[in-house]
């Protein structure tokens, strides 16, 4: 996606290139952070299941009609 830069009357490519050059490292840093968040998010369902297993609660499969947790143990 192109970055639109308003330079108050200046229409030279150098100013736009300089601004874009300054913005690119920031965008790279944002992308890196988003990649890290996505990776952490990918592991959440497994970690949630581990925690639920430790407490005796088992999630029903996604093909089930009910999405309520099922408690294993006493009635």
PDB file of N, CA and C in Angstrom:
ATOM      1  N   UNK A   1       0.850  -1.168   0.000  1.00  0.00           N
ATOM      2  CA  UNK A   1       0.000   0.000   0.000  1.00  0.00           C
ATOM      3  C   UNK A   1       0.894   1.229   0.000  1.00  0.00           C
ATOM      4  N   UNK A   2       0.727   2.141  -0.954  1.00  0.00           N
ATOM      5  CA  UNK A   2       1.571   3.333  -1.015  1.00  0.00           C
ATOM      6  C   UNK A   2       1.259   4.284   0.126  1.00  0.00           C
ATOM      7  N   UNK A   3       2.290   4.987   0.559  1.00  0.00           N
ATOM      8  CA  UNK A   3       2.139   5.972   1.619  1.00  0.00           C
ATOM      9  C   UNK A   3       1.938   7.328   0.977  1.00  0.00           C
ATOM     10  N   UNK A   4       0.878   8.028   1.345  1.00  0.00           N
ATOM     11  CA  UNK A   4       0.604   9.357   0.804  1.00  0.00           C
ATOM     12  C   UNK A   4       1.226  10.375   1.745  1.00  0.00           C
ATOM     13  N   UNK A   5       2.075  11.232   1.201  1.00  0.00           N
ATOM     14  CA  UNK A   5       2.774  12.228   2.002  1.00  0.00           C
ATOM     15  C   UNK A   5       2.477  13.605   1.439  1.00  0.00           C
ATOM     16  N   UNK A   6       1.986  14.496   2.296  1.00  0.00           N
ATOM     17  CA  UNK A   6       1.750  15.882   1.887  1.00  0.00           C
ATOM     18  C   UNK A   6       2.925  16.719   2.375  1.00  0.00           C
ATOM     19  N   UNK A   7       3.564  17.444   1.456  1.00  0.00           N
ATOM     20  CA  UNK A   7       4.776  18.186   1.806  1.00  0.00           C
ATOM     21  C   UNK A   7       4.617  19.683   1.609  1.00  0.00           C
ATOM     22  N   UNK A   8       3.423  20.202   1.798  1.00  0.00           N
ATOM     23  CA  UNK A   8       3.137  21.641   1.730  1.00  0.00           C
ATOM     24  C   UNK A   8       3.746  22.308   0.506  1.00  0.00           C
ATOM     25  N   UNK A   9       3.277  21.937  -0.652  1.00  0.00           N
ATOM     26  CA  UNK A   9       3.701  22.598  -1.872  1.00  0.00           C
ATOM     27  C   UNK A   9       4.913  21.991  -2.534  1.00  0.00           C
ATOM     28  N   UNK A  10       5.693  21.217  -1.818  1.00  0.00           N
ATOM     29  CA  UNK A  10       6.870  20.599  -2.423  1.00  0.00           C
ATOM     30  C   UNK A  10       6.435  19.323  -3.117  1.00  0.00           C
ATOM     31  N   UNK A  11       6.832  19.187  -4.351  1.00  0.00           N
ATOM     32  CA  UNK A  11       6.453  18.000  -5.104  1.00  0.00           C
ATOM     33  C   UNK A  11       7.691  17.301  -5.646  1.00  0.00           C
ATOM     34  N   UNK A  12       8.776  17.388  -4.907  1.00  0.00           N
ATOM     35  CA  UNK A  12       9.969  16.702  -5.390  1.00  0.00           C
ATOM     36  C   UNK A  12      10.015  15.280  -4.827  1.00  0.00           C
ATOM     37  N   UNK A  13      10.551  14.388  -5.611  1.00  0.00           N
ATOM     38  CA  UNK A  13      10.622  12.992  -5.215  1.00  0.00           C
ATOM     39  C   UNK A  13      11.517  12.758  -4.021  1.00  0.00           C
ATOM     40  N   UNK A  14      12.505  13.629  -3.821  1.00  0.00           N
ATOM     41  CA  UNK A  14      13.443  13.447  -2.715  1.00  0.00           C
ATOM     42  C   UNK A  14      12.730  13.508  -1.378  1.00  0.00           C
ATOM     43  N   UNK A  15      11.836  14.465  -1.202  1.00  0.00           N
ATOM     44  CA  UNK A  15      11.133  14.612   0.071  1.00  0.00           C
ATOM     45  C   UNK A  15      10.268  13.387   0.339  1.00  0.00           C
ATOM     46  N   UNK A  16       9.543  12.950  -0.648  1.00  0.00           N
ATOM     47  CA  UNK A  16       8.701  11.759  -0.480  1.00  0.00           C
ATOM     48  C   UNK A  16       9.552  10.531  -0.195  1.00  0.00           C
ATOM     49  N   UNK A  17      10.647  10.397  -0.924  1.00  0.00           N
ATOM     50  CA  UNK A  17      11.532   9.253  -0.698  1.00  0.00           C
ATOM     51  C   UNK A  17      12.117   9.282   0.704  1.00  0.00           C
ATOM     52  N   UNK A  18      12.469  10.466   1.184  1.00  0.00           N
ATOM     53  CA  UNK A  18      13.034  10.583   2.526  1.00  0.00           C
ATOM     54  C   UNK A  18      12.010  10.190   3.584  1.00  0.00           C
ATOM     55  N   UNK A  19      10.777  10.635   3.403  1.00  0.00           N
ATOM     56  CA  UNK A  19       9.722  10.296   4.360  1.00  0.00           C
ATOM     57  C   UNK A  19       9.453   8.796   4.322  1.00  0.00           C
ATOM     58  N   UNK A  20       9.369   8.234   3.125  1.00  0.00           N
ATOM     59  CA  UNK A  20       9.129   6.798   3.009  1.00  0.00           C
ATOM     60  C   UNK A  20      10.284   5.996   3.596  1.00  0.00           C
ATOM     61  N   UNK A  21      11.504   6.478   3.395  1.00  0.00           N
ATOM     62  CA  UNK A  21      12.667   5.800   3.963  1.00  0.00           C
ATOM     63  C   UNK A  21      12.623   5.834   5.484  1.00  0.00           C
ATOM     64  N   UNK A  22      12.086   6.904   6.056  1.00  0.00           N
ATOM     65  CA  UNK A  22      11.961   7.002   7.509  1.00  0.00           C
ATOM     66  C   UNK A  22      10.835   6.106   8.028  1.00  0.00           C
ATOM     67  N   UNK A  23       9.786   5.961   7.251  1.00  0.00           N
ATOM     68  CA  UNK A  23       8.626   5.176   7.674  1.00  0.00           C
ATOM     69  C   UNK A  23       8.877   3.674   7.532  1.00  0.00           C
ATOM     70  N   UNK A  24       9.617   3.263   6.531  1.00  0.00           N
ATOM     71  CA  UNK A  24       9.821   1.833   6.266  1.00  0.00           C
ATOM     72  C   UNK A  24      10.362   1.051   7.461  1.00  0.00           C
ATOM     73  N   UNK A  25      11.378   1.526   8.188  1.00  0.00           N
ATOM     74  CA  UNK A  25      11.839   0.759   9.357  1.00  0.00           C
ATOM     75  C   UNK A  25      10.754   0.625  10.432  1.00  0.00           C
ATOM     76  N   UNK A  26       9.937   1.668  10.584  1.00  0.00           N
ATOM     77  CA  UNK A  26       8.847   1.584  11.559  1.00  0.00           C
ATOM     78  C   UNK A  26       7.827   0.536  11.135  1.00  0.00           C
ATOM     79  N   UNK A  27       7.511   0.496   9.850  1.00  0.00           N
ATOM     80  CA  UNK A  27       6.570  -0.504   9.348  1.00  0.00           C
ATOM     81  C   UNK A  27       7.137  -1.915   9.499  1.00  0.00           C
ATOM     82  N   UNK A  28       8.428  -2.063   9.273  1.00  0.00           N
ATOM     83  CA  UNK A  28       9.071  -3.366   9.470  1.00  0.00           C
ATOM     84  C   UNK A  28       8.967  -3.807  10.926  1.00  0.00           C
ATOM     85  N   UNK A  29       9.152  -2.856  11.838  1.00  0.00           N
ATOM     86  CA  UNK A  29       9.057  -3.169  13.265  1.00  0.00           C
ATOM     87  C   UNK A  29       7.626  -3.572  13.639  1.00  0.00           C
ATOM     88  N   UNK A  30       6.640  -2.867  13.103  1.00  0.00           N
ATOM     89  CA  UNK A  30       5.237  -3.214  13.349  1.00  0.00           C
ATOM     90  C   UNK A  30       4.944  -4.606  12.805  1.00  0.00           C
ATOM     91  N   UNK A  31       5.418  -4.908  11.606  1.00  0.00           N
ATOM     92  CA  UNK A  31       5.206  -6.237  11.022  1.00  0.00           C
ATOM     93  C   UNK A  31       5.830  -7.337  11.871  1.00  0.00           C
ATOM     94  N   UNK A  32       7.018  -7.080  12.400  1.00  0.00           N
ATOM     95  CA  UNK A  32       7.678  -8.054  13.265  1.00  0.00           C
ATOM     96  C   UNK A  32       6.849  -8.304  14.520  1.00  0.00           C
ATOM     97  N   UNK A  33       6.340  -7.237  15.119  1.00  0.00           N
ATOM     98  CA  UNK A  33       5.499  -7.380  16.316  1.00  0.00           C
ATOM     99  C   UNK A  33       4.225  -8.160  16.005  1.00  0.00           C
ATOM    100  N   UNK A  34       3.611  -7.872  14.876  1.00  0.00           N
ATOM    101  CA  UNK A  34       2.395  -8.592  14.484  1.00  0.00           C
ATOM    102  C   UNK A  34       2.683 -10.072  14.236  1.00  0.00           C
ATOM    103  N   UNK A  35       3.824 -10.376  13.634  1.00  0.00           N
ATOM    104  CA  UNK A  35       4.209 -11.774  13.413  1.00  0.00           C
ATOM    105  C   UNK A  35       4.381 -12.505  14.745  1.00  0.00           C
ATOM    106  N   UNK A  36       5.007 -11.832  15.725  1.00  0.00           N
ATOM    107  CA  UNK A  36       5.197 -12.442  17.039  1.00  0.00           C
ATOM    108  C   UNK A  36       3.861 -12.681  17.734  1.00  0.00           C
ATOM    109  N   UNK A  37       2.950 -11.724  17.638  1.00  0.00           N
ATOM    110  CA  UNK A  37       1.623 -11.896  18.229  1.00  0.00           C
ATOM    111  C   UNK A  37       0.867 -13.043  17.570  1.00  0.00           C
ATOM    112  N   UNK A  38       0.967 -13.139  16.258  1.00  0.00           N
ATOM    113  CA  UNK A  38       0.293 -14.217  15.538  1.00  0.00           C
ATOM    114  C   UNK A  38       0.837 -15.577  15.964  1.00  0.00           C
ATOM    115  N   UNK A  39       2.149 -15.660  16.146  1.00  0.00           N
ATOM    116  CA  UNK A  39       2.760 -16.917  16.572  1.00  0.00           C
ATOM    117  C   UNK A  39       2.279 -17.305  17.968  1.00  0.00           C
ATOM    118  N   UNK A  40       2.223 -16.332  18.877  1.00  0.00           N
ATOM    119  CA  UNK A  40       1.716 -16.609  20.228  1.00  0.00           C
ATOM    120  C   UNK A  40       0.259 -17.039  20.170  1.00  0.00           C
ATOM    121  N   UNK A  41      -0.521 -16.374  19.342  1.00  0.00           N
ATOM    122  CA  UNK A  41      -1.940 -16.684  19.214  1.00  0.00           C
ATOM    123  C   UNK A  41      -2.150 -18.102  18.687  1.00  0.00           C
ATOM    124  N   UNK A  42      -1.283 -18.561  17.799  1.00  0.00           N
ATOM    125  CA  UNK A  42      -1.398 -19.909  17.243  1.00  0.00           C
ATOM    126  C   UNK A  42      -1.269 -20.979  18.324  1.00  0.00           C
ATOM    127  N   UNK A  43      -0.543 -20.673  19.402  1.00  0.00           N
ATOM    128  CA  UNK A  43      -0.319 -21.649  20.466  1.00  0.00           C
ATOM    129  C   UNK A  43      -1.384 -21.598  21.561  1.00  0.00           C
ATOM    130  N   UNK A  44      -2.240 -20.593  21.555  1.00  0.00           N
ATOM    131  CA  UNK A  44      -3.215 -20.437  22.632  1.00  0.00           C
ATOM    132  C   UNK A  44      -4.212 -21.587  22.763  1.00  0.00           C
ATOM    133  N   UNK A  45      -4.814 -22.090  21.685  1.00  0.00           N
ATOM    134  CA  UNK A  45      -5.786 -23.182  21.867  1.00  0.00           C
ATOM    135  C   UNK A  45      -5.182 -24.410  22.555  1.00  0.00           C
ATOM    136  N   UNK A  46      -3.967 -24.769  22.188  1.00  0.00           N
ATOM    137  CA  UNK A  46      -3.307 -25.910  22.817  1.00  0.00           C
ATOM    138  C   UNK A  46      -3.023 -25.670  24.285  1.00  0.00           C
ATOM    139  N   UNK A  47      -2.573 -24.479  24.610  1.00  0.00           N
ATOM    140  CA  UNK A  47      -2.286 -24.154  26.011  1.00  0.00           C
ATOM    141  C   UNK A  47      -3.562 -24.100  26.831  1.00  0.00           C
ATOM    142  N   UNK A  48      -4.646 -23.590  26.235  1.00  0.00           N
ATOM    143  CA  UNK A  48      -5.936 -23.569  26.919  1.00  0.00           C
ATOM    144  C   UNK A  48      -6.388 -24.992  27.209  1.00  0.00           C
ATOM    145  N   UNK A  49      -6.246 -25.882  26.235  1.00  0.00           N
ATOM    146  CA  UNK A  49      -6.645 -27.276  26.441  1.00  0.00           C
ATOM    147  C   UNK A  49      -5.819 -27.912  27.549  1.00  0.00           C
ATOM    148  N   UNK A  50      -4.521 -27.622  27.603  1.00  0.00           N
ATOM    149  CA  UNK A  50      -3.672 -28.142  28.678  1.00  0.00           C
ATOM    150  C   UNK A  50      -4.179 -27.688  30.036  1.00  0.00           C
ATOM    151  N   UNK A  51      -4.504 -26.412  30.153  1.00  0.00           N
ATOM    152  CA  UNK A  51      -5.005 -25.871  31.423  1.00  0.00           C
ATOM    153  C   UNK A  51      -6.338 -26.513  31.800  1.00  0.00           C
ATOM    154  N   UNK A  52      -7.209 -26.663  30.816  1.00  0.00           N
ATOM    155  CA  UNK A  52      -8.505 -27.280  31.088  1.00  0.00           C
ATOM    156  C   UNK A  52      -8.335 -28.736  31.501  1.00  0.00           C
ATOM    157  N   UNK A  53      -7.409 -29.444  30.877  1.00  0.00           N
ATOM    158  CA  UNK A  53      -7.154 -30.838  31.247  1.00  0.00           C
ATOM    159  C   UNK A  53      -6.656 -30.939  32.680  1.00  0.00           C
ATOM    160  N   UNK A  54      -5.822 -30.004  33.095  1.00  0.00           N
ATOM    161  CA  UNK A  54      -5.307 -30.018  34.461  1.00  0.00           C
ATOM    162  C   UNK A  54      -6.410 -29.789  35.484  1.00  0.00           C
ATOM    163  N   UNK A  55      -7.444 -29.065  35.117  1.00  0.00           N
ATOM    164  CA  UNK A  55      -8.531 -28.780  36.048  1.00  0.00           C
ATOM    165  C   UNK A  55      -9.693 -29.753  35.898  1.00  0.00           C
ATOM    166  N   UNK A  56      -9.594 -30.722  34.990  1.00  0.00           N
ATOM    167  CA  UNK A  56     -10.637 -31.717  34.812  1.00  0.00           C
ATOM    168  C   UNK A  56     -11.766 -31.278  33.910  1.00  0.00           C
ATOM    169  N   UNK A  57     -11.568 -30.228  33.157  1.00  0.00           N
ATOM    170  CA  UNK A  57     -12.585 -29.750  32.227  1.00  0.00           C
ATOM    171  C   UNK A  57     -12.108 -30.068  30.817  1.00  0.00           C
ATOM    172  N   UNK A  58     -12.978 -30.666  30.031  1.00  0.00           N
ATOM    173  CA  UNK A  58     -12.625 -31.011  28.653  1.00  0.00           C
ATOM    174  C   UNK A  58     -13.576 -30.299  27.710  1.00  0.00           C
ATOM    175  N   UNK A  59     -13.018 -29.637  26.716  1.00  0.00           N
ATOM    176  CA  UNK A  59     -13.850 -28.962  25.724  1.00  0.00           C
ATOM    177  C   UNK A  59     -14.384 -30.005  24.752  1.00  0.00           C
ATOM    178  N   UNK A  60     -15.638 -29.850  24.399  1.00  0.00           N
ATOM    179  CA  UNK A  60     -16.229 -30.739  23.409  1.00  0.00           C
ATOM    180  C   UNK A  60     -15.676 -30.381  22.041  1.00  0.00           C
ATOM    181  N   UNK A  61     -15.660 -31.326  21.138  1.00  0.00           N
ATOM    182  CA  UNK A  61     -15.112 -31.065  19.808  1.00  0.00           C
ATOM    183  C   UNK A  61     -15.931 -30.000  19.096  1.00  0.00           C
ATOM    184  N   UNK A  62     -15.319 -29.325  18.146  1.00  0.00           N
ATOM    185  CA  UNK A  62     -15.995 -28.237  17.433  1.00  0.00           C
ATOM    186  C   UNK A  62     -17.147 -28.749  16.584  1.00  0.00           C
ATOM    187  N   UNK A  63     -17.189 -30.053  16.292  1.00  0.00           N
ATOM    188  CA  UNK A  63     -18.293 -30.596  15.509  1.00  0.00           C
ATOM    189  C   UNK A  63     -19.539 -30.806  16.367  1.00  0.00           C
ATOM    190  N   UNK A  64     -19.380 -30.685  17.677  1.00  0.00           N
ATOM    191  CA  UNK A  64     -20.512 -30.855  18.587  1.00  0.00           C
ATOM    192  C   UNK A  64     -21.439 -29.650  18.500  1.00  0.00           C
ATOM    193  N   UNK A  65     -22.703 -29.852  18.808  1.00  0.00           N
ATOM    194  CA  UNK A  65     -23.675 -28.763  18.761  1.00  0.00           C
ATOM    195  C   UNK A  65     -23.499 -27.812  19.939  1.00  0.00           C
ATOM    196  N   UNK A  66     -23.046 -28.306  21.057  1.00  0.00           N
ATOM    197  CA  UNK A  66     -22.877 -27.482  22.250  1.00  0.00           C
ATOM    198  C   UNK A  66     -21.425 -27.060  22.370  1.00  0.00           C
ATOM    199  N   UNK A  67     -21.203 -25.835  22.761  1.00  0.00           N
ATOM    200  CA  UNK A  67     -19.836 -25.345  22.950  1.00  0.00           C
ATOM    201  C   UNK A  67     -19.524 -25.194  24.441  1.00  0.00           C
ATOM    202  N   UNK A  68     -20.349 -25.753  25.300  1.00  0.00           N
ATOM    203  CA  UNK A  68     -20.117 -25.662  26.735  1.00  0.00           C
ATOM    204  C   UNK A  68     -19.058 -26.680  27.150  1.00  0.00           C
ATOM    205  N   UNK A  69     -18.220 -26.312  28.135  1.00  0.00           N
ATOM    206  CA  UNK A  69     -17.235 -27.274  28.622  1.00  0.00           C
ATOM    207  C   UNK A  69     -17.927 -28.419  29.354  1.00  0.00           C
ATOM    208  N   UNK A  70     -17.326 -29.581  29.312  1.00  0.00           N
ATOM    209  CA  UNK A  70     -17.862 -30.743  29.988  1.00  0.00           C
ATOM    210  C   UNK A  70     -16.958 -31.036  31.172  1.00  0.00           C
ATOM    211  N   UNK A  71     -17.541 -31.087  32.381  1.00  0.00           N
ATOM    212  CA  UNK A  71     -16.767 -31.363  33.583  1.00  0.00           C
ATOM    213  C   UNK A  71     -16.725 -32.864  33.780  1.00  0.00           C
ATOM    214  N   UNK A  72     -15.530 -33.397  33.954  1.00  0.00           N
ATOM    215  CA  UNK A  72     -15.349 -34.825  34.167  1.00  0.00           C
ATOM    216  C   UNK A  72     -15.195 -35.041  35.665  1.00  0.00           C
ATOM    217  N   UNK A  73     -15.933 -35.978  36.193  1.00  0.00           N
ATOM    218  CA  UNK A  73     -15.818 -36.258  37.623  1.00  0.00           C
ATOM    219  C   UNK A  73     -17.178 -36.357  38.254  1.00  0.00           C
ATOM    220  N   UNK A  74     -17.362 -35.691  39.397  1.00  0.00           N
ATOM    221  CA  UNK A  74     -18.616 -35.792  40.143  1.00  0.00           C
ATOM    222  C   UNK A  74     -19.770 -35.170  39.376  1.00  0.00           C
ATOM    223  N   UNK A  75     -20.993 -35.740  39.557  1.00  0.00           N
ATOM    224  CA  UNK A  75     -22.160 -35.244  38.803  1.00  0.00           C
ATOM    225  C   UNK A  75     -22.620 -33.888  39.197  1.00  0.00           C
TER     226      UNK A  75
END
